[in-house]
Each structure stands twice: as structure tokens, then as C-alpha cells.
Amino acid sequence: MNPDDLKLNLDQMLRPEVNTIGGIMEFIVARMLFMGGVLMVIAVIYSGIMYITAGGEPAKAAQARKNLVWAITGFIIILLFQSIIVWVPNIITKGTID
């Protein structure tokens, strides 16, 4: 796998080719992945603040840990989704994930 395939191309995100169905789908998926990453960062920060301000209360600390686990789970799902998006076209066109 080429590492350049995984890099976020900011120029493409700002001015994508949306004159084909594939271009429209790439545009939508790129935006969704970006927003998912931003939301994950916000969720991790929020969980950290919740944990710090729990003040020793086990219920609040448990809720903060639960939120953190969900944020990390969401991040893993985003990474898997990105991998699938990169691999599927290669499998279809080349027959390999390389």
C-alpha cells in the first residue's frame, strides 16, 4: 500500500471533482470522515473534562470512562471505514489491496 493513498489531500477536499457520481461520493465520504474525526476529538476532550471534574464521585467518573470508550470505538470505526474505502477500489481494479 502506498502511504500517499492515506494522506488527506486538502486541495481535493476544498475543490473536489464533483461532476461524476464517483466524484460526488468521494466528496461526501471525505466530508463525513473529516466531521467524524472532529467529533471524536471533541468527545475525547469532553470525556477528559468530565473525568477531571468528577471530583471523586464514582458515578461521574464511570460515565466519563464510558463516554471515552464510545469515542475511541467511534474512532476505530472511522479508521476501518477509511481502510475499506481505500482497499475496495484496489481490490476491484487490481485484485489486491496493495
C-alpha atoms as a PDB file:
ATOM      1  CA  MET A   1       0.000   0.000   0.000  1.00  0.00           C
ATOM      2  CA  ASN A   2       1.257   3.427  -0.907  1.00  0.00           C
ATOM      3  CA  PRO A   3       1.349   5.771   2.136  1.00  0.00           C
ATOM      4  CA  ASP A   4       0.260   8.644  -0.113  1.00  0.00           C
ATOM      5  CA  ASP A   5      -3.109   6.907  -0.541  1.00  0.00           C
ATOM      6  CA  LEU A   6      -3.901   7.527   3.127  1.00  0.00           C
ATOM      7  CA  LYS A   7      -2.926  11.193   3.220  1.00  0.00           C
ATOM      8  CA  LEU A   8      -5.692  13.747   3.354  1.00  0.00           C
ATOM      9  CA  ASN A   9      -5.365  15.963   0.322  1.00  0.00           C
ATOM     10  CA  LEU A  10      -6.641  19.360   1.478  1.00  0.00           C
ATOM     11  CA  ASP A  11      -6.740  20.750  -2.047  1.00  0.00           C
ATOM     12  CA  GLN A  12      -9.038  17.912  -3.155  1.00  0.00           C
ATOM     13  CA  MET A  13     -11.243  18.438  -0.123  1.00  0.00           C
ATOM     14  CA  LEU A  14     -11.662  22.120  -0.887  1.00  0.00           C
ATOM     15  CA  ARG A  15     -12.125  21.769  -4.658  1.00  0.00           C
ATOM     16  CA  PRO A  16     -13.164  18.193  -5.486  1.00  0.00           C
ATOM     17  CA  GLU A  17     -14.213  16.928  -8.885  1.00  0.00           C
ATOM     18  CA  VAL A  18     -17.953  16.591  -8.342  1.00  0.00           C
ATOM     19  CA  ASN A  19     -19.015  16.293 -11.962  1.00  0.00           C
ATOM     20  CA  THR A  20     -19.320  12.486 -11.796  1.00  0.00           C
ATOM     21  CA  ILE A  21     -21.130  10.109  -9.455  1.00  0.00           C
ATOM     22  CA  GLY A  22     -17.778   8.849  -8.151  1.00  0.00           C
ATOM     23  CA  GLY A  23     -16.633  12.406  -7.525  1.00  0.00           C
ATOM     24  CA  ILE A  24     -19.808  13.210  -5.632  1.00  0.00           C
ATOM     25  CA  MET A  25     -19.394  10.091  -3.487  1.00  0.00           C
ATOM     26  CA  GLU A  26     -15.736  10.922  -2.769  1.00  0.00           C
ATOM     27  CA  PHE A  27     -16.756  14.450  -1.789  1.00  0.00           C
ATOM     28  CA  ILE A  28     -19.456  13.203   0.598  1.00  0.00           C
ATOM     29  CA  VAL A  29     -17.273  10.493   2.145  1.00  0.00           C
ATOM     30  CA  ALA A  30     -14.333  12.866   2.658  1.00  0.00           C
ATOM     31  CA  ARG A  31     -16.588  15.343   4.444  1.00  0.00           C
ATOM     32  CA  MET A  32     -18.133  12.621   6.610  1.00  0.00           C
ATOM     33  CA  LEU A  33     -14.737  11.255   7.619  1.00  0.00           C
ATOM     34  CA  PHE A  34     -13.467  14.720   8.454  1.00  0.00           C
ATOM     35  CA  MET A  35     -16.544  15.528  10.554  1.00  0.00           C
ATOM     36  CA  GLY A  36     -16.295  12.157  12.308  1.00  0.00           C
ATOM     37  CA  GLY A  37     -12.688  12.893  13.242  1.00  0.00           C
ATOM     38  CA  VAL A  38     -13.588  16.339  14.565  1.00  0.00           C
ATOM     39  CA  LEU A  39     -16.459  14.921  16.607  1.00  0.00           C
ATOM     40  CA  MET A  40     -14.165  12.221  18.014  1.00  0.00           C
ATOM     41  CA  VAL A  41     -11.659  14.828  19.201  1.00  0.00           C
ATOM     42  CA  ILE A  42     -14.451  16.854  20.804  1.00  0.00           C
ATOM     43  CA  ALA A  43     -15.815  13.734  22.518  1.00  0.00           C
ATOM     44  CA  VAL A  44     -12.392  12.812  23.924  1.00  0.00           C
ATOM     45  CA  ILE A  45     -11.856  16.337  25.253  1.00  0.00           C
ATOM     46  CA  TYR A  46     -15.362  16.377  26.770  1.00  0.00           C
ATOM     47  CA  SER A  47     -14.783  12.983  28.417  1.00  0.00           C
ATOM     48  CA  GLY A  48     -11.484  14.209  29.855  1.00  0.00           C
ATOM     49  CA  ILE A  49     -13.134  17.291  31.306  1.00  0.00           C
ATOM     50  CA  MET A  50     -15.921  15.123  32.753  1.00  0.00           C
ATOM     51  CA  TYR A  51     -13.357  12.830  34.364  1.00  0.00           C
ATOM     52  CA  ILE A  52     -11.338  15.709  35.826  1.00  0.00           C
ATOM     53  CA  THR A  53     -14.425  17.424  37.235  1.00  0.00           C
ATOM     54  CA  ALA A  54     -15.905  14.205  38.657  1.00  0.00           C
ATOM     55  CA  GLY A  55     -14.398  15.146  41.987  1.00  0.00           C
ATOM     56  CA  GLY A  56     -14.055  11.584  43.206  1.00  0.00           C
ATOM     57  CA  GLU A  57     -17.681  10.652  42.559  1.00  0.00           C
ATOM     58  CA  PRO A  58     -17.621   7.107  41.152  1.00  0.00           C
ATOM     59  CA  ALA A  59     -20.802   7.546  39.086  1.00  0.00           C
ATOM     60  CA  LYS A  60     -19.494  10.620  37.265  1.00  0.00           C
ATOM     61  CA  ALA A  61     -16.073   9.036  36.708  1.00  0.00           C
ATOM     62  CA  ALA A  62     -17.720   5.883  35.338  1.00  0.00           C
ATOM     63  CA  GLN A  63     -19.824   7.973  32.945  1.00  0.00           C
ATOM     64  CA  ALA A  64     -16.710   9.810  31.745  1.00  0.00           C
ATOM     65  CA  ARG A  65     -14.899   6.499  31.128  1.00  0.00           C
ATOM     66  CA  LYS A  66     -17.950   5.171  29.281  1.00  0.00           C
ATOM     67  CA  ASN A  67     -18.019   8.259  27.053  1.00  0.00           C
ATOM     68  CA  LEU A  68     -14.301   7.875  26.354  1.00  0.00           C
ATOM     69  CA  VAL A  69     -14.749   4.227  25.376  1.00  0.00           C
ATOM     70  CA  TRP A  70     -17.518   5.216  22.946  1.00  0.00           C
ATOM     71  CA  ALA A  71     -15.354   7.963  21.451  1.00  0.00           C
ATOM     72  CA  ILE A  72     -12.451   5.557  20.911  1.00  0.00           C
ATOM     73  CA  THR A  73     -14.814   2.950  19.457  1.00  0.00           C
ATOM     74  CA  GLY A  74     -16.118   5.545  17.025  1.00  0.00           C
ATOM     75  CA  PHE A  75     -12.558   6.445  16.042  1.00  0.00           C
ATOM     76  CA  ILE A  76     -11.765   2.789  15.327  1.00  0.00           C
ATOM     77  CA  ILE A  77     -14.896   2.527  13.179  1.00  0.00           C
ATOM     78  CA  ILE A  78     -13.823   5.641  11.258  1.00  0.00           C
ATOM     79  CA  LEU A  79     -10.372   4.116  10.644  1.00  0.00           C
ATOM     80  CA  LEU A  80     -11.915   0.848   9.441  1.00  0.00           C
ATOM     81  CA  PHE A  81     -14.262   2.751   7.154  1.00  0.00           C
ATOM     82  CA  GLN A  82     -11.329   4.690   5.691  1.00  0.00           C
ATOM     83  CA  SER A  83      -9.428   1.455   5.118  1.00  0.00           C
ATOM     84  CA  ILE A  84     -12.376  -0.075   3.320  1.00  0.00           C
ATOM     85  CA  ILE A  85     -12.710   2.997   1.122  1.00  0.00           C
ATOM     86  CA  VAL A  86      -9.048   2.763   0.143  1.00  0.00           C
ATOM     87  CA  TRP A  87      -8.966  -1.018  -0.319  1.00  0.00           C
ATOM     88  CA  VAL A  88     -12.213  -1.712  -2.178  1.00  0.00           C
ATOM     89  CA  PRO A  89     -11.315   0.194  -5.375  1.00  0.00           C
ATOM     90  CA  ASN A  90      -7.890  -1.500  -5.399  1.00  0.00           C
ATOM     91  CA  ILE A  91      -9.455  -4.920  -4.963  1.00  0.00           C
ATOM     92  CA  ILE A  92     -11.938  -4.256  -7.760  1.00  0.00           C
ATOM     93  CA  THR A  93      -9.438  -2.799 -10.215  1.00  0.00           C
ATOM     94  CA  LYS A  94      -6.197  -4.643  -9.357  1.00  0.00           C
ATOM     95  CA  GLY A  95      -7.396  -7.710  -7.480  1.00  0.00           C
ATOM     96  CA  THR A  96      -5.198  -6.888  -4.489  1.00  0.00           C
ATOM     97  CA  ILE A  97      -5.123  -4.494  -1.515  1.00  0.00           C
ATOM     98  CA  ASP A  98      -1.554  -3.475  -2.313  1.00  0.00           C
END
